[in-house]
Amino acid sequence: MRHGKGFNHLGRTATHRKAMLSNMASSLILHKRIITTVAKAKSLRKYVEPLLNKSKEDTMHSRRLVFSYLQDKGSVKELFDNVADKIATRNGGFTRIIRIGTRLGDNADMCMMELVDFNTTYVANDGEQKAKTRRSRRKSGQSDDTSAVVVDAPVVEAKEEGQE
């Protein structure tokens, strides 16, 4: 009986599934966005989120643990150098799955999986905040003294007496 054994095997053997998830995780870390099926993306999310969480603490032990899963020096370096800085304040939910329709050949549900903090469309610029405007309570008919300043007036230099 298979009671309580509820994860998706993705139609692959254990070693093939492990290698596929490792390669997909490396690609996600290097490229920040991949296009895959929804079933693979959901399995990849469970695989890669703990690795991203381990990358917050930059120690030799955590690097070796992550390398044992990814088997790629370049993706481990990218993860600990660039990705970990952006996700340092986030507690979870490092990835986003956006469905993009079905594949033409076999009608499989396709999606785009991306790292949340690297999509500039959704990430708000923290440094650039919109300036707040203040509205006065004066009626529009009244004016104050500062509005009567002429901006484009010509500059005239006064000559002293005795100088030509």
N, C-alpha and C. Protein backbone atom coordinates (compact mmCIF):
# COMPACT_ATOMS: atom_id res chain seq x y z
N MET A 1 0.84 -1.19 0.00
CA MET A 1 0.00 0.00 0.00
C MET A 1 0.88 1.25 0.00
N ARG A 2 0.36 2.32 -0.58
CA ARG A 2 1.14 3.55 -0.66
C ARG A 2 0.50 4.67 0.16
N HIS A 3 -0.06 4.35 1.28
CA HIS A 3 -0.67 5.38 2.12
C HIS A 3 0.41 6.33 2.64
N GLY A 4 0.14 7.62 2.54
CA GLY A 4 1.04 8.63 3.10
C GLY A 4 2.32 8.85 2.31
N LYS A 5 2.43 8.29 1.12
CA LYS A 5 3.61 8.50 0.29
C LYS A 5 3.24 9.47 -0.83
N GLY A 6 2.92 10.68 -0.44
CA GLY A 6 2.30 11.59 -1.39
C GLY A 6 3.21 12.64 -1.96
N PHE A 7 4.27 12.29 -2.67
CA PHE A 7 4.98 13.29 -3.45
C PHE A 7 5.03 12.81 -4.88
N ASN A 8 5.17 13.72 -5.79
CA ASN A 8 5.10 13.41 -7.21
C ASN A 8 6.42 12.80 -7.67
N HIS A 9 6.36 11.60 -8.21
CA HIS A 9 7.57 10.93 -8.70
C HIS A 9 7.95 11.39 -10.10
N LEU A 10 7.06 12.13 -10.74
CA LEU A 10 7.30 12.72 -12.05
C LEU A 10 7.62 11.69 -13.13
N GLY A 11 7.21 10.46 -12.94
CA GLY A 11 7.42 9.42 -13.94
C GLY A 11 8.87 9.05 -14.15
N ARG A 12 9.69 9.19 -13.11
CA ARG A 12 11.13 8.94 -13.24
C ARG A 12 11.60 8.09 -12.08
N THR A 13 12.78 7.49 -12.27
CA THR A 13 13.38 6.76 -11.16
C THR A 13 13.95 7.77 -10.16
N ALA A 14 14.33 7.30 -8.99
CA ALA A 14 14.80 8.19 -7.94
C ALA A 14 16.06 8.95 -8.36
N THR A 15 16.99 8.25 -8.98
CA THR A 15 18.24 8.92 -9.38
C THR A 15 18.02 9.92 -10.50
N HIS A 16 17.14 9.56 -11.45
CA HIS A 16 16.84 10.48 -12.54
C HIS A 16 16.13 11.72 -12.00
N ARG A 17 15.20 11.53 -11.08
CA ARG A 17 14.47 12.65 -10.49
C ARG A 17 15.41 13.57 -9.71
N LYS A 18 16.34 12.98 -8.96
CA LYS A 18 17.29 13.77 -8.18
C LYS A 18 18.19 14.59 -9.10
N ALA A 19 18.68 13.96 -10.17
CA ALA A 19 19.55 14.67 -11.13
C ALA A 19 18.78 15.78 -11.84
N MET A 20 17.52 15.51 -12.21
CA MET A 20 16.72 16.51 -12.90
C MET A 20 16.45 17.71 -12.00
N LEU A 21 16.08 17.49 -10.75
CA LEU A 21 15.81 18.58 -9.83
C LEU A 21 17.08 19.38 -9.52
N SER A 22 18.21 18.70 -9.44
CA SER A 22 19.48 19.38 -9.21
C SER A 22 19.82 20.30 -10.38
N ASN A 23 19.65 19.82 -11.59
CA ASN A 23 19.92 20.63 -12.79
C ASN A 23 18.96 21.80 -12.91
N MET A 24 17.68 21.56 -12.59
CA MET A 24 16.70 22.63 -12.67
C MET A 24 16.96 23.69 -11.61
N ALA A 25 17.39 23.27 -10.41
CA ALA A 25 17.70 24.23 -9.35
C ALA A 25 18.91 25.07 -9.73
N SER A 26 19.92 24.44 -10.32
CA SER A 26 21.09 25.19 -10.77
C SER A 26 20.72 26.21 -11.84
N SER A 27 19.87 25.81 -12.77
CA SER A 27 19.43 26.72 -13.83
C SER A 27 18.61 27.88 -13.25
N LEU A 28 17.77 27.59 -12.28
CA LEU A 28 16.97 28.64 -11.65
C LEU A 28 17.85 29.65 -10.94
N ILE A 29 18.88 29.18 -10.26
CA ILE A 29 19.77 30.08 -9.53
C ILE A 29 20.62 30.91 -10.50
N LEU A 30 21.10 30.30 -11.55
CA LEU A 30 21.95 31.02 -12.50
C LEU A 30 21.16 32.02 -13.35
N HIS A 31 19.97 31.62 -13.83
CA HIS A 31 19.22 32.44 -14.78
C HIS A 31 18.09 33.22 -14.13
N LYS A 32 17.77 32.91 -12.88
CA LYS A 32 16.73 33.58 -12.08
C LYS A 32 15.31 33.31 -12.56
N ARG A 33 15.16 32.61 -13.70
CA ARG A 33 13.84 32.33 -14.24
C ARG A 33 13.94 31.15 -15.21
N ILE A 34 13.04 30.18 -15.07
CA ILE A 34 13.01 29.06 -16.01
C ILE A 34 11.56 28.79 -16.41
N ILE A 35 11.39 28.15 -17.55
CA ILE A 35 10.07 27.75 -18.02
C ILE A 35 10.02 26.23 -18.00
N THR A 36 9.01 25.69 -17.32
CA THR A 36 8.89 24.25 -17.14
C THR A 36 7.42 23.90 -16.95
N THR A 37 7.12 22.63 -16.70
CA THR A 37 5.75 22.23 -16.43
C THR A 37 5.39 22.57 -14.98
N VAL A 38 4.11 22.65 -14.71
CA VAL A 38 3.65 23.01 -13.38
C VAL A 38 4.02 21.94 -12.36
N ALA A 39 3.93 20.66 -12.74
CA ALA A 39 4.26 19.58 -11.81
C ALA A 39 5.73 19.61 -11.42
N LYS A 40 6.61 19.84 -12.41
CA LYS A 40 8.03 19.93 -12.11
C LYS A 40 8.34 21.17 -11.27
N ALA A 41 7.65 22.26 -11.53
CA ALA A 41 7.88 23.49 -10.78
C ALA A 41 7.48 23.32 -9.32
N LYS A 42 6.39 22.63 -9.07
CA LYS A 42 5.96 22.40 -7.68
C LYS A 42 6.94 21.50 -6.95
N SER A 43 7.48 20.51 -7.64
CA SER A 43 8.49 19.66 -7.02
C SER A 43 9.79 20.42 -6.81
N LEU A 44 10.14 21.27 -7.77
CA LEU A 44 11.36 22.06 -7.66
C LEU A 44 11.27 23.06 -6.51
N ARG A 45 10.09 23.59 -6.26
CA ARG A 45 9.92 24.54 -5.16
C ARG A 45 10.26 23.88 -3.83
N LYS A 46 9.81 22.65 -3.63
CA LYS A 46 10.12 21.92 -2.39
C LYS A 46 11.60 21.58 -2.30
N TYR A 47 12.25 21.48 -3.43
CA TYR A 47 13.68 21.13 -3.48
C TYR A 47 14.56 22.35 -3.24
N VAL A 48 14.20 23.49 -3.83
CA VAL A 48 15.11 24.62 -3.85
C VAL A 48 14.90 25.61 -2.69
N GLU A 49 13.71 25.66 -2.12
CA GLU A 49 13.46 26.61 -1.02
C GLU A 49 14.35 26.36 0.19
N PRO A 50 14.55 25.12 0.64
CA PRO A 50 15.48 24.90 1.75
C PRO A 50 16.91 25.28 1.41
N LEU A 51 17.31 25.10 0.14
CA LEU A 51 18.66 25.50 -0.26
C LEU A 51 18.83 27.01 -0.20
N LEU A 52 17.81 27.74 -0.63
CA LEU A 52 17.86 29.18 -0.56
C LEU A 52 17.89 29.65 0.90
N ASN A 53 17.20 28.94 1.75
CA ASN A 53 17.20 29.29 3.18
C ASN A 53 18.57 29.03 3.80
N LYS A 54 19.24 27.96 3.38
CA LYS A 54 20.57 27.66 3.89
C LYS A 54 21.60 28.69 3.42
N SER A 55 21.34 29.32 2.30
CA SER A 55 22.32 30.26 1.76
C SER A 55 22.38 31.57 2.53
N LYS A 56 21.41 31.82 3.41
CA LYS A 56 21.43 33.05 4.20
C LYS A 56 22.63 33.08 5.14
N GLU A 57 23.02 31.91 5.63
CA GLU A 57 24.17 31.82 6.53
C GLU A 57 25.38 31.36 5.72
N ASP A 58 26.32 32.24 5.48
CA ASP A 58 27.46 31.95 4.61
C ASP A 58 28.59 31.33 5.42
N THR A 59 28.49 30.02 5.63
CA THR A 59 29.56 29.28 6.30
C THR A 59 30.02 28.17 5.37
N MET A 60 31.17 27.62 5.67
CA MET A 60 31.68 26.52 4.85
C MET A 60 30.74 25.32 4.91
N HIS A 61 30.18 25.09 6.09
CA HIS A 61 29.26 23.95 6.25
C HIS A 61 28.03 24.10 5.37
N SER A 62 27.42 25.31 5.35
CA SER A 62 26.23 25.49 4.53
C SER A 62 26.57 25.45 3.04
N ARG A 63 27.76 25.94 2.67
CA ARG A 63 28.17 25.84 1.26
C ARG A 63 28.32 24.38 0.84
N ARG A 64 28.90 23.57 1.70
CA ARG A 64 29.08 22.15 1.36
C ARG A 64 27.76 21.41 1.31
N LEU A 65 26.82 21.76 2.20
CA LEU A 65 25.50 21.14 2.16
C LEU A 65 24.79 21.48 0.85
N VAL A 66 24.85 22.74 0.45
CA VAL A 66 24.19 23.16 -0.78
C VAL A 66 24.87 22.54 -1.99
N PHE A 67 26.20 22.43 -1.95
CA PHE A 67 26.91 21.81 -3.07
C PHE A 67 26.56 20.33 -3.21
N SER A 68 26.27 19.66 -2.09
CA SER A 68 25.90 18.24 -2.18
C SER A 68 24.58 18.05 -2.92
N TYR A 69 23.72 19.09 -2.91
CA TYR A 69 22.47 19.02 -3.66
C TYR A 69 22.65 19.49 -5.11
N LEU A 70 23.39 20.58 -5.32
CA LEU A 70 23.45 21.18 -6.65
C LEU A 70 24.52 20.59 -7.55
N GLN A 71 25.66 20.19 -7.00
CA GLN A 71 26.77 19.61 -7.76
C GLN A 71 27.29 20.55 -8.85
N ASP A 72 27.28 21.86 -8.57
CA ASP A 72 27.75 22.83 -9.55
C ASP A 72 28.36 24.01 -8.81
N LYS A 73 29.67 24.20 -9.00
CA LYS A 73 30.37 25.27 -8.28
C LYS A 73 29.86 26.65 -8.65
N GLY A 74 29.58 26.84 -9.93
CA GLY A 74 29.13 28.15 -10.40
C GLY A 74 27.80 28.57 -9.77
N SER A 75 26.86 27.64 -9.69
CA SER A 75 25.56 27.99 -9.12
C SER A 75 25.66 28.20 -7.60
N VAL A 76 26.55 27.46 -6.93
CA VAL A 76 26.74 27.67 -5.49
C VAL A 76 27.35 29.04 -5.24
N LYS A 77 28.31 29.42 -6.06
CA LYS A 77 28.94 30.74 -5.93
C LYS A 77 27.93 31.85 -6.18
N GLU A 78 27.13 31.71 -7.23
CA GLU A 78 26.09 32.70 -7.54
C GLU A 78 25.07 32.78 -6.40
N LEU A 79 24.71 31.63 -5.85
CA LEU A 79 23.72 31.60 -4.78
C LEU A 79 24.21 32.34 -3.54
N PHE A 80 25.43 32.07 -3.11
CA PHE A 80 25.92 32.66 -1.88
C PHE A 80 26.40 34.10 -2.07
N ASP A 81 26.83 34.47 -3.28
CA ASP A 81 27.34 35.82 -3.49
C ASP A 81 26.23 36.82 -3.82
N ASN A 82 25.34 36.47 -4.74
CA ASN A 82 24.35 37.44 -5.22
C ASN A 82 22.95 37.20 -4.68
N VAL A 83 22.49 35.96 -4.74
CA VAL A 83 21.10 35.68 -4.38
C VAL A 83 20.88 35.83 -2.88
N ALA A 84 21.82 35.38 -2.07
CA ALA A 84 21.64 35.41 -0.62
C ALA A 84 21.50 36.83 -0.09
N ASP A 85 22.15 37.80 -0.73
CA ASP A 85 22.04 39.18 -0.28
C ASP A 85 20.62 39.72 -0.46
N LYS A 86 19.99 39.36 -1.57
CA LYS A 86 18.65 39.87 -1.84
C LYS A 86 17.57 39.19 -1.00
N ILE A 87 17.77 37.92 -0.63
CA ILE A 87 16.73 37.21 0.10
C ILE A 87 17.00 37.18 1.60
N ALA A 88 17.97 37.96 2.07
CA ALA A 88 18.37 37.91 3.48
C ALA A 88 17.23 38.29 4.43
N THR A 89 16.39 39.22 4.03
CA THR A 89 15.33 39.68 4.93
C THR A 89 14.04 38.89 4.77
N ARG A 90 13.95 38.08 3.74
CA ARG A 90 12.72 37.32 3.47
C ARG A 90 12.71 36.03 4.27
N ASN A 91 11.57 35.70 4.88
CA ASN A 91 11.47 34.51 5.72
C ASN A 91 11.12 33.25 4.94
N GLY A 92 10.56 33.38 3.80
CA GLY A 92 10.18 32.22 2.99
C GLY A 92 9.52 32.70 1.72
N GLY A 93 9.09 31.79 0.90
CA GLY A 93 8.45 32.18 -0.35
C GLY A 93 9.41 32.84 -1.31
N PHE A 94 10.53 32.16 -1.56
CA PHE A 94 11.58 32.73 -2.39
C PHE A 94 11.28 32.59 -3.88
N THR A 95 10.34 31.73 -4.24
CA THR A 95 10.06 31.48 -5.65
C THR A 95 8.61 31.82 -5.97
N ARG A 96 8.36 32.08 -7.25
CA ARG A 96 7.01 32.40 -7.72
C ARG A 96 6.74 31.54 -8.94
N ILE A 97 5.55 30.96 -9.02
CA ILE A 97 5.14 30.16 -10.18
C ILE A 97 4.02 30.90 -10.89
N ILE A 98 4.25 31.22 -12.17
CA ILE A 98 3.26 31.93 -12.98
C ILE A 98 2.88 31.02 -14.13
N ARG A 99 1.62 30.66 -14.21
CA ARG A 99 1.16 29.77 -15.28
C ARG A 99 1.09 30.53 -16.60
N ILE A 100 1.55 29.87 -17.67
CA ILE A 100 1.60 30.55 -18.97
C ILE A 100 0.82 29.81 -20.05
N GLY A 101 0.02 28.84 -19.69
CA GLY A 101 -0.78 28.14 -20.68
C GLY A 101 -0.36 26.70 -20.84
N THR A 102 -0.65 26.13 -22.01
CA THR A 102 -0.34 24.73 -22.25
C THR A 102 0.67 24.60 -23.38
N ARG A 103 1.40 23.49 -23.34
CA ARG A 103 2.39 23.21 -24.37
C ARG A 103 1.68 22.70 -25.62
N LEU A 104 2.21 23.06 -26.77
CA LEU A 104 1.55 22.73 -28.03
C LEU A 104 1.53 21.23 -28.31
N GLY A 105 2.61 20.53 -28.01
CA GLY A 105 2.70 19.12 -28.40
C GLY A 105 1.83 18.19 -27.59
N ASP A 106 1.87 18.28 -26.26
CA ASP A 106 1.16 17.32 -25.43
C ASP A 106 0.16 17.96 -24.48
N ASN A 107 -0.08 19.26 -24.63
CA ASN A 107 -1.07 19.98 -23.85
C ASN A 107 -0.75 19.98 -22.34
N ALA A 108 0.54 19.93 -22.01
CA ALA A 108 0.94 19.96 -20.60
C ALA A 108 0.86 21.40 -20.08
N ASP A 109 0.43 21.54 -18.83
CA ASP A 109 0.37 22.87 -18.21
C ASP A 109 1.78 23.41 -18.02
N MET A 110 2.08 24.55 -18.61
CA MET A 110 3.40 25.16 -18.52
C MET A 110 3.35 26.36 -17.57
N CYS A 111 4.52 26.65 -17.01
CA CYS A 111 4.61 27.80 -16.12
C CYS A 111 6.01 28.38 -16.19
N MET A 112 6.12 29.59 -15.67
CA MET A 112 7.40 30.25 -15.53
C MET A 112 7.69 30.32 -14.04
N MET A 113 8.82 29.76 -13.63
CA MET A 113 9.21 29.80 -12.22
C MET A 113 10.36 30.77 -12.09
N GLU A 114 10.27 31.67 -11.11
CA GLU A 114 11.30 32.69 -10.97
C GLU A 114 11.58 32.97 -9.50
N LEU A 115 12.74 33.54 -9.25
CA LEU A 115 13.08 34.00 -7.92
C LEU A 115 12.38 35.33 -7.69
N VAL A 116 11.71 35.47 -6.57
CA VAL A 116 10.82 36.59 -6.33
C VAL A 116 11.55 37.93 -6.35
N ASP A 117 12.69 38.04 -5.70
CA ASP A 117 13.35 39.33 -5.54
C ASP A 117 14.09 39.80 -6.78
N PHE A 118 14.12 39.01 -7.83
CA PHE A 118 14.88 39.39 -9.02
C PHE A 118 13.99 39.88 -10.15
N ASN A 119 12.69 39.89 -9.99
CA ASN A 119 11.80 40.40 -11.01
C ASN A 119 11.54 41.87 -10.72
N THR A 120 12.02 42.75 -11.58
CA THR A 120 11.90 44.18 -11.32
C THR A 120 10.49 44.70 -11.55
N THR A 121 9.63 43.92 -12.19
CA THR A 121 8.26 44.34 -12.41
C THR A 121 7.49 44.39 -11.09
N TYR A 122 7.71 43.38 -10.24
CA TYR A 122 6.95 43.27 -9.01
C TYR A 122 7.67 43.89 -7.81
N VAL A 123 8.99 44.01 -7.86
CA VAL A 123 9.75 44.51 -6.72
C VAL A 123 9.68 46.03 -6.71
N ALA A 124 9.26 46.60 -5.59
CA ALA A 124 9.19 48.05 -5.45
C ALA A 124 10.58 48.59 -5.17
N ASN A 125 10.89 49.76 -5.72
CA ASN A 125 12.18 50.39 -5.47
C ASN A 125 12.16 50.98 -4.07
N ASP A 126 12.99 50.45 -3.18
CA ASP A 126 13.00 50.92 -1.80
C ASP A 126 13.67 52.29 -1.70
N GLY A 127 14.70 52.55 -2.48
CA GLY A 127 15.44 53.79 -2.41
C GLY A 127 14.66 54.96 -2.97
N GLU A 128 13.88 54.73 -4.00
CA GLU A 128 13.15 55.80 -4.64
C GLU A 128 11.69 55.76 -4.21
N GLN A 129 11.33 56.64 -3.29
CA GLN A 129 9.94 56.73 -2.89
C GLN A 129 9.34 57.99 -3.49
N LYS A 130 8.09 57.93 -3.80
CA LYS A 130 7.42 59.05 -4.43
C LYS A 130 7.31 60.20 -3.43
N ALA A 131 7.61 61.41 -3.89
CA ALA A 131 7.54 62.57 -3.02
C ALA A 131 6.08 62.89 -2.72
N LYS A 132 5.81 63.19 -1.46
CA LYS A 132 4.45 63.52 -1.06
C LYS A 132 4.19 64.99 -1.36
N THR A 133 3.02 65.28 -1.87
CA THR A 133 2.64 66.66 -2.14
C THR A 133 1.72 67.12 -1.03
N ARG A 134 1.87 68.39 -0.66
CA ARG A 134 1.03 68.96 0.39
C ARG A 134 0.03 69.88 -0.26
N ARG A 135 -1.18 69.80 0.20
CA ARG A 135 -2.23 70.66 -0.33
C ARG A 135 -2.61 71.68 0.74
N SER A 136 -2.71 72.91 0.32
CA SER A 136 -3.06 73.95 1.29
C SER A 136 -4.57 74.01 1.44
N ARG A 137 -5.01 74.65 2.51
CA ARG A 137 -6.44 74.78 2.76
C ARG A 137 -6.99 76.10 2.22
N ARG A 138 -6.15 76.89 1.58
CA ARG A 138 -6.60 78.15 1.04
C ARG A 138 -7.52 77.92 -0.14
N LYS A 139 -8.41 78.83 -0.32
CA LYS A 139 -9.27 78.76 -1.50
C LYS A 139 -8.47 79.13 -2.72
N SER A 140 -8.89 78.72 -3.86
CA SER A 140 -8.14 78.96 -5.08
C SER A 140 -8.09 80.43 -5.45
N GLY A 141 -9.01 81.25 -5.01
CA GLY A 141 -9.03 82.66 -5.35
C GLY A 141 -7.98 83.46 -4.60
N GLN A 142 -7.58 83.00 -3.41
CA GLN A 142 -6.61 83.72 -2.62
C GLN A 142 -5.21 83.35 -3.07
N SER A 143 -4.29 84.31 -2.98
CA SER A 143 -2.91 84.04 -3.33
C SER A 143 -2.03 84.52 -2.21
N ASP A 144 -0.84 83.93 -2.07
CA ASP A 144 0.08 84.43 -1.06
C ASP A 144 1.22 85.17 -1.74
N ASP A 145 2.07 85.76 -0.91
CA ASP A 145 3.13 86.62 -1.41
C ASP A 145 4.18 85.85 -2.21
N THR A 146 4.40 84.58 -1.92
CA THR A 146 5.44 83.83 -2.61
C THR A 146 5.08 83.51 -4.05
N SER A 147 3.80 83.51 -4.38
CA SER A 147 3.41 83.19 -5.75
C SER A 147 3.62 84.36 -6.70
N ALA A 148 3.88 85.56 -6.17
CA ALA A 148 4.05 86.73 -7.01
C ALA A 148 5.51 86.92 -7.46
N VAL A 149 6.39 85.97 -7.20
CA VAL A 149 7.79 86.09 -7.59
C VAL A 149 7.91 85.86 -9.09
N VAL A 150 8.59 86.76 -9.77
CA VAL A 150 8.79 86.65 -11.21
C VAL A 150 10.04 85.82 -11.45
N VAL A 151 9.92 84.76 -12.20
CA VAL A 151 11.03 83.85 -12.41
C VAL A 151 11.91 84.26 -13.57
N ASP A 152 11.32 84.70 -14.66
CA ASP A 152 12.06 84.97 -15.88
C ASP A 152 12.44 86.45 -16.04
N ALA A 153 12.63 87.17 -14.99
CA ALA A 153 12.99 88.58 -15.08
C ALA A 153 14.44 88.71 -15.52
N PRO A 154 14.75 89.71 -16.38
CA PRO A 154 16.14 89.89 -16.82
C PRO A 154 17.01 90.41 -15.67
N VAL A 155 18.24 89.98 -15.66
CA VAL A 155 19.17 90.39 -14.63
C VAL A 155 19.87 91.67 -15.07
N VAL A 156 19.81 92.71 -14.25
CA VAL A 156 20.41 94.00 -14.59
C VAL A 156 21.49 94.27 -13.54
N GLU A 157 22.72 94.56 -14.03
CA GLU A 157 23.80 94.86 -13.11
C GLU A 157 23.89 96.36 -12.92
N ALA A 158 24.01 96.76 -11.68
CA ALA A 158 24.11 98.19 -11.38
C ALA A 158 25.57 98.63 -11.48
N LYS A 159 25.81 99.77 -12.17
CA LYS A 159 27.17 100.28 -12.30
C LYS A 159 27.42 101.27 -11.18
N GLU A 160 28.62 101.23 -10.64
CA GLU A 160 28.97 102.19 -9.62
C GLU A 160 29.44 103.46 -10.30
N GLU A 161 29.33 104.55 -9.59
CA GLU A 161 29.78 105.81 -10.17
C GLU A 161 31.29 105.86 -10.22
N GLY A 162 31.84 106.37 -11.23
CA GLY A 162 33.28 106.46 -11.38
C GLY A 162 33.85 105.30 -12.20
N GLN A 163 33.10 104.29 -12.43
CA GLN A 163 33.57 103.17 -13.25
C GLN A 163 32.82 103.19 -14.57
N GLU A 164 33.55 102.90 -15.62
CA GLU A 164 32.89 102.87 -16.92
C GLU A 164 33.08 101.56 -17.59
